[in-house]
């Protein structure tokens, strides 16, 4: 397990003034990231969430699985595109990363609850998956905020095993695609088993990250702020 070295606030700000526009060279470090909230990736995140919500409501109202699948497509395609846009245009922000986490969970909850409305037998696997993804994985994903990182994609700097099992591209695909595939092919018990495995993995990973957090050296942000001219 690796970790990022924390720099005192005064030294950190001095470094930013000295190296403005160049950064520290660590991929994913937030030291010289934009602080703007109104970025194109953030707008795309909000638009795809609204589109997913609208399509889900329409799917439930019209009892249409086809429209619900369109909601899933809006969620997944939008999620991929806002991330690519943020990285390719150097517009990654900590706020944007947190917004993405929250909107992903909102889309997931909407789509899965819509599926339960259309097929009540999906209630058990959906309940387990929502506990794993919307509750436990939200806490796990937001741990990146404890370090100067631009998002969960860079948690490998803190704990590569947690990142590899939860946030690497193959892990992201497997954690969601397997469950959804089993659910939509009419195998609710197999889907519940897959969701249970995901819940165990997320819970163990969260405990591991919490131990890392508790092992961090303590410091006083207020004292560092007072020292500023």
Protein backbone atom coordinates (compact mmCIF):
# COMPACT_ATOMS: atom_id res chain seq x y z
CA UNK A 1 0.00 0.00 0.00
CA UNK A 2 1.29 3.43 -0.92
CA UNK A 3 0.34 6.85 0.34
CA UNK A 4 0.59 10.48 -0.65
CA UNK A 5 2.76 12.67 1.54
CA UNK A 6 0.83 15.57 3.07
CA UNK A 7 2.34 19.00 2.82
CA UNK A 8 1.56 21.69 5.41
CA UNK A 9 -0.91 24.28 4.13
CA UNK A 10 1.62 27.12 4.09
CA UNK A 11 4.18 25.14 2.10
CA UNK A 12 1.47 23.80 -0.16
CA UNK A 13 0.26 27.30 -1.04
CA UNK A 14 3.79 28.55 -1.56
CA UNK A 15 4.40 25.64 -3.90
CA UNK A 16 1.26 26.45 -5.84
CA UNK A 17 2.35 30.06 -6.27
CA UNK A 18 5.78 28.95 -7.41
CA UNK A 19 4.60 26.18 -9.75
CA UNK A 20 1.33 27.68 -10.98
CA UNK A 21 0.15 25.98 -14.13
CA UNK A 22 2.77 23.24 -13.87
CA UNK A 23 1.64 21.20 -10.86
CA UNK A 24 3.60 18.71 -8.81
CA UNK A 25 3.72 16.09 -11.54
CA UNK A 26 1.68 13.46 -9.66
CA UNK A 27 -1.23 12.25 -11.83
CA UNK A 28 -4.52 13.03 -10.11
CA UNK A 29 -3.11 15.49 -7.58
CA UNK A 30 -5.45 18.44 -7.05
CA UNK A 31 -2.69 20.97 -6.28
CA UNK A 32 -3.14 22.98 -9.49
CA UNK A 33 -6.57 21.85 -10.67
CA UNK A 34 -9.21 24.31 -11.76
CA UNK A 35 -11.56 25.49 -9.01
CA UNK A 36 -14.41 26.39 -11.36
CA UNK A 37 -17.73 24.66 -10.72
CA UNK A 38 -19.35 25.52 -14.06
CA UNK A 39 -17.34 23.15 -16.23
CA UNK A 40 -18.55 21.26 -19.28
CA UNK A 41 -18.08 17.84 -17.59
CA UNK A 42 -20.19 18.94 -14.61
CA UNK A 43 -22.93 20.20 -16.93
CA UNK A 44 -22.85 16.87 -18.79
CA UNK A 45 -23.12 15.00 -15.48
CA UNK A 46 -26.24 16.94 -14.53
CA UNK A 47 -27.79 16.59 -18.00
CA UNK A 48 -27.32 12.82 -18.15
CA UNK A 49 -28.78 12.48 -14.65
CA UNK A 50 -31.86 14.49 -15.61
CA UNK A 51 -32.20 12.46 -18.81
CA UNK A 52 -31.97 9.20 -16.88
CA UNK A 53 -34.58 10.41 -14.39
CA UNK A 54 -36.98 11.53 -17.13
CA UNK A 55 -36.63 8.26 -19.04
CA UNK A 56 -37.13 6.19 -15.88
CA UNK A 57 -40.34 8.04 -15.03
CA UNK A 58 -41.57 7.55 -18.58
CA UNK A 59 -40.65 3.85 -18.45
CA UNK A 60 -42.58 3.25 -15.24
CA UNK A 61 -45.57 5.30 -16.41
CA UNK A 62 -45.71 3.39 -19.70
CA UNK A 63 -44.61 0.02 -18.28
CA UNK A 64 -41.87 -0.07 -20.91
CA UNK A 65 -38.68 -2.07 -20.48
CA UNK A 66 -37.36 -0.56 -23.70
CA UNK A 67 -37.53 2.95 -22.29
CA UNK A 68 -35.97 1.76 -19.03
CA UNK A 69 -33.04 0.34 -21.00
CA UNK A 70 -32.74 3.74 -22.68
CA UNK A 71 -32.46 5.24 -19.17
CA UNK A 72 -29.65 2.78 -18.38
CA UNK A 73 -27.91 3.78 -21.62
CA UNK A 74 -28.22 7.48 -20.76
CA UNK A 75 -26.69 6.75 -17.35
CA UNK A 76 -23.80 4.61 -18.57
CA UNK A 77 -22.92 6.52 -21.74
CA UNK A 78 -23.16 9.84 -19.92
CA UNK A 79 -21.01 8.55 -17.08
CA UNK A 80 -18.29 7.44 -19.48
CA UNK A 81 -18.43 10.64 -21.54
CA UNK A 82 -18.28 13.11 -18.64
CA UNK A 83 -15.18 11.36 -17.30
CA UNK A 84 -13.47 11.32 -20.70
CA UNK A 85 -14.36 14.97 -21.24
CA UNK A 86 -12.98 16.00 -17.85
CA UNK A 87 -9.67 14.19 -18.34
CA UNK A 88 -9.14 15.12 -22.00
CA UNK A 89 -9.77 18.84 -21.38
CA UNK A 90 -7.94 19.00 -18.03
CA UNK A 91 -11.18 20.06 -16.31
CA UNK A 92 -11.17 17.52 -13.50
CA UNK A 93 -12.23 18.98 -10.15
CA UNK A 94 -12.85 17.55 -6.71
CA UNK A 95 -16.37 18.97 -6.78
CA UNK A 96 -16.96 17.36 -10.17
CA UNK A 97 -15.74 14.01 -8.90
CA UNK A 98 -18.03 14.18 -5.85
CA UNK A 99 -20.93 15.31 -8.07
CA UNK A 100 -20.28 12.33 -10.35
CA UNK A 101 -20.40 9.94 -7.40
CA UNK A 102 -23.71 11.35 -6.15
CA UNK A 103 -25.30 11.43 -9.62
CA UNK A 104 -24.18 7.87 -10.38
CA UNK A 105 -25.98 6.67 -7.25
CA UNK A 106 -29.07 8.71 -8.07
CA UNK A 107 -29.22 7.20 -11.57
CA UNK A 108 -28.62 3.70 -10.26
CA UNK A 109 -31.35 4.01 -7.62
CA UNK A 110 -33.84 5.44 -10.12
CA UNK A 111 -33.25 2.72 -12.71
CA UNK A 112 -33.33 -0.17 -10.25
CA UNK A 113 -36.40 1.09 -8.44
CA UNK A 114 -38.01 1.49 -11.84
CA UNK A 115 -37.14 -2.14 -12.57
CA UNK A 116 -38.79 -3.19 -9.31
CA UNK A 117 -41.91 -1.22 -10.25
CA UNK A 118 -42.07 -3.16 -13.52
CA UNK A 119 -41.13 -6.51 -11.98
CA UNK A 120 -41.72 -6.82 -8.18
CA UNK A 121 -39.77 -10.10 -7.98
CA UNK A 122 -36.60 -8.02 -8.43
CA UNK A 123 -37.08 -6.39 -5.01
CA UNK A 124 -34.64 -8.60 -3.06
CA UNK A 125 -31.60 -8.37 -5.36
CA UNK A 126 -32.22 -4.67 -5.93
CA UNK A 127 -32.39 -3.98 -2.19
CA UNK A 128 -29.06 -5.77 -1.60
CA UNK A 129 -27.39 -4.01 -4.53
CA UNK A 130 -28.63 -0.59 -3.47
CA UNK A 131 -27.22 -1.20 0.00
CA UNK A 132 -23.87 -2.13 -1.55
CA UNK A 133 -23.68 0.64 -4.16
CA UNK A 134 -25.74 3.55 -2.88
CA UNK A 135 -24.74 3.29 0.79
CA UNK A 136 -21.42 1.47 1.27
CA UNK A 137 -19.80 2.33 -2.06
CA UNK A 138 -20.76 5.99 -1.72
CA UNK A 139 -18.80 6.20 1.53
CA UNK A 140 -15.93 4.26 -0.03
CA UNK A 141 -15.84 6.46 -3.13
CA UNK A 142 -15.87 9.72 -1.18
CA UNK A 143 -12.80 8.73 0.85
CA UNK A 144 -10.73 10.33 -1.91
CA UNK A 145 -11.71 13.70 -0.40
CA UNK A 146 -9.42 12.97 2.57
CA UNK A 147 -6.42 13.27 0.26
CA UNK A 148 -5.45 15.93 -2.32
CA UNK A 149 -6.86 13.83 -5.16
CA UNK A 150 -9.10 14.67 -8.10
CA UNK A 151 -11.33 11.62 -7.75
CA UNK A 152 -11.72 7.91 -7.08
CA UNK A 153 -9.75 7.04 -10.22
CA UNK A 154 -6.62 8.17 -8.36
CA UNK A 155 -7.15 6.26 -5.11
CA UNK A 156 -4.45 3.89 -6.38
CA UNK A 157 -1.97 6.39 -4.90
CA UNK A 158 -3.41 5.59 -1.46
CA UNK A 159 -4.34 1.91 -1.71
CA UNK A 160 -3.76 0.11 -4.99
CA UNK A 161 -5.61 -3.04 -3.91
CA UNK A 162 -8.80 -1.14 -3.05
CA UNK A 163 -8.55 0.77 -6.31
CA UNK A 164 -7.93 -2.36 -8.36
CA UNK A 165 -10.88 -4.25 -6.85
CA UNK A 166 -13.34 -1.36 -6.90
CA UNK A 167 -12.39 1.50 -9.22
CA UNK A 168 -10.21 0.13 -12.01
CA UNK A 169 -12.09 -0.06 -15.36
CA UNK A 170 -12.53 -3.88 -15.23
CA UNK A 171 -13.76 -3.72 -11.64
CA UNK A 172 -16.30 -0.99 -12.43
CA UNK A 173 -17.64 -3.02 -15.33
CA UNK A 174 -17.85 -6.30 -13.42
CA UNK A 175 -19.36 -4.77 -10.29
CA UNK A 176 -22.36 -3.46 -12.22
CA UNK A 177 -22.64 -5.40 -15.48
CA UNK A 178 -22.77 -8.88 -13.94
CA UNK A 179 -25.56 -7.91 -11.55
CA UNK A 180 -27.59 -6.13 -14.22
CA UNK A 181 -27.14 -8.96 -16.72
CA UNK A 182 -28.38 -11.55 -14.21
CA UNK A 183 -31.29 -9.35 -13.23
CA UNK A 184 -32.46 -8.58 -16.75
CA UNK A 185 -32.19 -12.23 -17.82
CA UNK A 186 -34.68 -13.18 -15.13
CA UNK A 187 -32.33 -14.67 -12.53
CA UNK A 188 -33.16 -12.69 -9.37
CA UNK A 189 -31.56 -15.16 -6.94
CA UNK A 190 -28.31 -15.25 -8.87
CA UNK A 191 -28.44 -11.46 -9.04
CA UNK A 192 -28.98 -11.33 -5.26
CA UNK A 193 -25.92 -13.56 -4.78
CA UNK A 194 -23.82 -11.28 -7.01
CA UNK A 195 -25.08 -8.23 -5.10
CA UNK A 196 -24.18 -9.90 -1.81
CA UNK A 197 -20.63 -10.53 -3.06
CA UNK A 198 -20.39 -6.88 -4.07
CA UNK A 199 -21.66 -5.81 -0.63
CA UNK A 200 -19.01 -7.90 1.12
CA UNK A 201 -16.24 -6.56 -1.16
CA UNK A 202 -17.35 -2.94 -0.69
CA UNK A 203 -17.65 -3.35 3.09
CA UNK A 204 -14.19 -4.90 3.46
CA UNK A 205 -12.70 -2.21 1.21
CA UNK A 206 -14.38 0.55 3.20
CA UNK A 207 -13.02 -0.83 6.48
CA UNK A 208 -9.55 -1.00 4.94
CA UNK A 209 -9.77 2.63 3.84
CA UNK A 210 -11.07 3.71 7.25
CA UNK A 211 -8.07 2.06 8.91
CA UNK A 212 -5.83 4.03 6.55
CA UNK A 213 -7.65 7.23 7.46
CA UNK A 214 -7.33 6.60 11.18
CA UNK A 215 -3.60 5.94 10.78
CA UNK A 216 -3.01 9.35 9.23
CA UNK A 217 -0.98 11.81 11.31
CA UNK A 218 -3.16 14.44 12.95
CA UNK A 219 -2.72 18.14 12.28
CA UNK A 220 -4.47 21.43 12.82
CA UNK A 221 -5.73 23.21 9.73
CA UNK A 222 -6.75 26.29 11.74
CA UNK A 223 -3.21 26.74 13.10
CA UNK A 224 -1.80 26.59 9.59
CA UNK A 225 -4.35 29.14 8.43
CA UNK A 226 -3.47 31.57 11.23
CA UNK A 227 0.15 31.45 10.15
CA UNK A 228 -0.74 32.82 6.73
CA UNK A 229 0.08 36.54 6.14
